């Protein structure tokens, strides 16, 4: 089963997700929204933000690569199919879109 997760999915956090797919999608976007070093006892989880000072094309590549690695490490139930990011270079923000394969 393929699920698509976007940052907009975090607008409504579900404490008890209804399905495994909802739980995995929420976990994937939590990883994308977390700054590395901000989670006690899991300091390596999350995204490094220093690449946002690079040109947008280079920042997108670094972000997509790092997010793929983070998902593979911290959400083993999901196999990453694709990670893409759209960005706004004027405010320095990247919005991820992640497709993952899960066994349900």
C-alpha atoms as a PDB file:
ATOM      1  CA  UNK A   1       0.000   0.000   0.000  1.00  0.00           C
ATOM      2  CA  UNK A   2       1.325   3.442  -0.906  1.00  0.00           C
ATOM      3  CA  UNK A   3       0.609   6.440   1.280  1.00  0.00           C
ATOM      4  CA  UNK A   4       1.401  10.079   0.596  1.00  0.00           C
ATOM      5  CA  UNK A   5       2.296  12.359   3.492  1.00  0.00           C
ATOM      6  CA  UNK A   6       2.554  16.140   3.332  1.00  0.00           C
ATOM      7  CA  UNK A   7       3.332  18.725   5.973  1.00  0.00           C
ATOM      8  CA  UNK A   8      -0.328  19.775   5.963  1.00  0.00           C
ATOM      9  CA  UNK A   9      -1.077  16.373   7.542  1.00  0.00           C
ATOM     10  CA  UNK A  10       0.397  17.685  10.793  1.00  0.00           C
ATOM     11  CA  UNK A  11      -2.313  20.332  11.053  1.00  0.00           C
ATOM     12  CA  UNK A  12      -4.443  17.753  12.848  1.00  0.00           C
ATOM     13  CA  UNK A  13      -2.385  15.510  15.119  1.00  0.00           C
ATOM     14  CA  UNK A  14      -4.208  12.355  16.127  1.00  0.00           C
ATOM     15  CA  UNK A  15      -3.165  11.028  19.523  1.00  0.00           C
ATOM     16  CA  UNK A  16      -4.569   7.618  18.582  1.00  0.00           C
ATOM     17  CA  UNK A  17      -4.483   7.270  14.769  1.00  0.00           C
ATOM     18  CA  UNK A  18      -7.313   5.163  13.351  1.00  0.00           C
ATOM     19  CA  UNK A  19      -5.159   3.104  10.988  1.00  0.00           C
ATOM     20  CA  UNK A  20      -1.561   2.011  10.654  1.00  0.00           C
ATOM     21  CA  UNK A  21      -1.302   4.114   7.499  1.00  0.00           C
ATOM     22  CA  UNK A  22      -2.386   7.233   9.433  1.00  0.00           C
ATOM     23  CA  UNK A  23       0.144   6.442  12.164  1.00  0.00           C
ATOM     24  CA  UNK A  24       3.019   5.985   9.710  1.00  0.00           C
ATOM     25  CA  UNK A  25       2.102   9.111   7.732  1.00  0.00           C
ATOM     26  CA  UNK A  26       2.025  11.155  10.909  1.00  0.00           C
ATOM     27  CA  UNK A  27       5.370   9.706  12.037  1.00  0.00           C
ATOM     28  CA  UNK A  28       6.986  10.523   8.678  1.00  0.00           C
ATOM     29  CA  UNK A  29       5.868  14.144   8.813  1.00  0.00           C
ATOM     30  CA  UNK A  30       6.892  14.448  12.459  1.00  0.00           C
ATOM     31  CA  UNK A  31      10.409  13.455  11.405  1.00  0.00           C
ATOM     32  CA  UNK A  32      10.320  16.088   8.634  1.00  0.00           C
ATOM     33  CA  UNK A  33       9.126  18.810  11.020  1.00  0.00           C
ATOM     34  CA  UNK A  34      11.574  18.008  13.826  1.00  0.00           C
ATOM     35  CA  UNK A  35      14.836  19.906  14.137  1.00  0.00           C
ATOM     36  CA  UNK A  36      17.821  17.653  14.777  1.00  0.00           C
ATOM     37  CA  UNK A  37      18.927  17.856  18.404  1.00  0.00           C
ATOM     38  CA  UNK A  38      15.536  18.905  19.774  1.00  0.00           C
ATOM     39  CA  UNK A  39      14.303  15.486  20.949  1.00  0.00           C
ATOM     40  CA  UNK A  40      15.672  14.364  24.315  1.00  0.00           C
ATOM     41  CA  UNK A  41      17.311  10.916  24.193  1.00  0.00           C
ATOM     42  CA  UNK A  42      17.045  10.912  20.369  1.00  0.00           C
ATOM     43  CA  UNK A  43      19.370  13.784  19.463  1.00  0.00           C
ATOM     44  CA  UNK A  44      20.088  12.394  15.986  1.00  0.00           C
ATOM     45  CA  UNK A  45      16.417  12.315  14.961  1.00  0.00           C
ATOM     46  CA  UNK A  46      15.176  15.176  12.829  1.00  0.00           C
ATOM     47  CA  UNK A  47      16.347  17.468  10.117  1.00  0.00           C
ATOM     48  CA  UNK A  48      19.484  19.568  10.013  1.00  0.00           C
ATOM     49  CA  UNK A  49      18.484  23.121   9.089  1.00  0.00           C
ATOM     50  CA  UNK A  50      21.849  24.530   7.970  1.00  0.00           C
ATOM     51  CA  UNK A  51      21.234  23.651   4.305  1.00  0.00           C
ATOM     52  CA  UNK A  52      18.466  26.243   4.155  1.00  0.00           C
ATOM     53  CA  UNK A  53      21.203  28.863   3.784  1.00  0.00           C
ATOM     54  CA  UNK A  54      22.225  27.316   0.463  1.00  0.00           C
ATOM     55  CA  UNK A  55      20.631  28.163  -2.893  1.00  0.00           C
ATOM     56  CA  UNK A  56      17.142  26.634  -3.071  1.00  0.00           C
ATOM     57  CA  UNK A  57      18.061  23.944  -5.624  1.00  0.00           C
ATOM     58  CA  UNK A  58      20.933  22.695  -3.446  1.00  0.00           C
ATOM     59  CA  UNK A  59      18.806  22.925  -0.285  1.00  0.00           C
ATOM     60  CA  UNK A  60      16.064  20.787  -1.879  1.00  0.00           C
ATOM     61  CA  UNK A  61      18.522  18.040  -2.803  1.00  0.00           C
ATOM     62  CA  UNK A  62      20.087  18.010   0.686  1.00  0.00           C
ATOM     63  CA  UNK A  63      16.661  18.067   2.361  1.00  0.00           C
ATOM     64  CA  UNK A  64      15.274  15.227   0.232  1.00  0.00           C
ATOM     65  CA  UNK A  65      18.358  13.078   0.850  1.00  0.00           C
ATOM     66  CA  UNK A  66      18.413  13.691   4.594  1.00  0.00           C
ATOM     67  CA  UNK A  67      14.668  13.096   4.976  1.00  0.00           C
ATOM     68  CA  UNK A  68      14.974   9.784   3.126  1.00  0.00           C
ATOM     69  CA  UNK A  69      17.780   8.693   5.470  1.00  0.00           C
ATOM     70  CA  UNK A  70      15.865   9.817   8.567  1.00  0.00           C
ATOM     71  CA  UNK A  71      12.706   7.936   7.554  1.00  0.00           C
ATOM     72  CA  UNK A  72      14.711   4.785   6.846  1.00  0.00           C
ATOM     73  CA  UNK A  73      16.322   5.021  10.282  1.00  0.00           C
ATOM     74  CA  UNK A  74      13.397   6.092  12.478  1.00  0.00           C
ATOM     75  CA  UNK A  75      10.327   4.638  10.728  1.00  0.00           C
ATOM     76  CA  UNK A  76      11.244   1.062   9.735  1.00  0.00           C
ATOM     77  CA  UNK A  77       7.632   0.211   8.801  1.00  0.00           C
ATOM     78  CA  UNK A  78       7.874   2.543   5.801  1.00  0.00           C
ATOM     79  CA  UNK A  79       9.875   1.993   2.609  1.00  0.00           C
ATOM     80  CA  UNK A  80      10.502   5.357   0.951  1.00  0.00           C
ATOM     81  CA  UNK A  81       9.244   5.459  -2.640  1.00  0.00           C
ATOM     82  CA  UNK A  82       9.925   9.170  -3.230  1.00  0.00           C
ATOM     83  CA  UNK A  83      10.629  12.408  -1.425  1.00  0.00           C
ATOM     84  CA  UNK A  84      10.085  15.748  -3.091  1.00  0.00           C
ATOM     85  CA  UNK A  85      10.129  19.258  -1.703  1.00  0.00           C
ATOM     86  CA  UNK A  86       8.708  22.467  -2.997  1.00  0.00           C
ATOM     87  CA  UNK A  87      10.257  25.600  -1.663  1.00  0.00           C
ATOM     88  CA  UNK A  88       9.767  29.287  -1.206  1.00  0.00           C
ATOM     89  CA  UNK A  89      13.180  30.865  -1.600  1.00  0.00           C
ATOM     90  CA  UNK A  90      12.013  34.262  -0.377  1.00  0.00           C
ATOM     91  CA  UNK A  91      11.164  33.012   3.101  1.00  0.00           C
ATOM     92  CA  UNK A  92      13.503  29.978   3.113  1.00  0.00           C
ATOM     93  CA  UNK A  93      10.936  27.230   3.648  1.00  0.00           C
ATOM     94  CA  UNK A  94      10.721  23.738   2.154  1.00  0.00           C
ATOM     95  CA  UNK A  95       7.465  21.772   2.113  1.00  0.00           C
ATOM     96  CA  UNK A  96       7.989  18.002   1.851  1.00  0.00           C
ATOM     97  CA  UNK A  97       5.839  15.450   0.046  1.00  0.00           C
ATOM     98  CA  UNK A  98       6.717  11.851   0.859  1.00  0.00           C
ATOM     99  CA  UNK A  99       5.443   8.646  -0.721  1.00  0.00           C
ATOM    100  CA  UNK A 100       6.078   5.483   1.265  1.00  0.00           C
ATOM    101  CA  UNK A 101       5.197   1.837   0.783  1.00  0.00           C
ATOM    102  CA  UNK A 102       3.837   0.001   3.789  1.00  0.00           C
ATOM    103  CA  UNK A 103       2.676  -3.533   4.469  1.00  0.00           C
ATOM    104  CA  UNK A 104      -0.738  -3.483   6.022  1.00  0.00           C
END
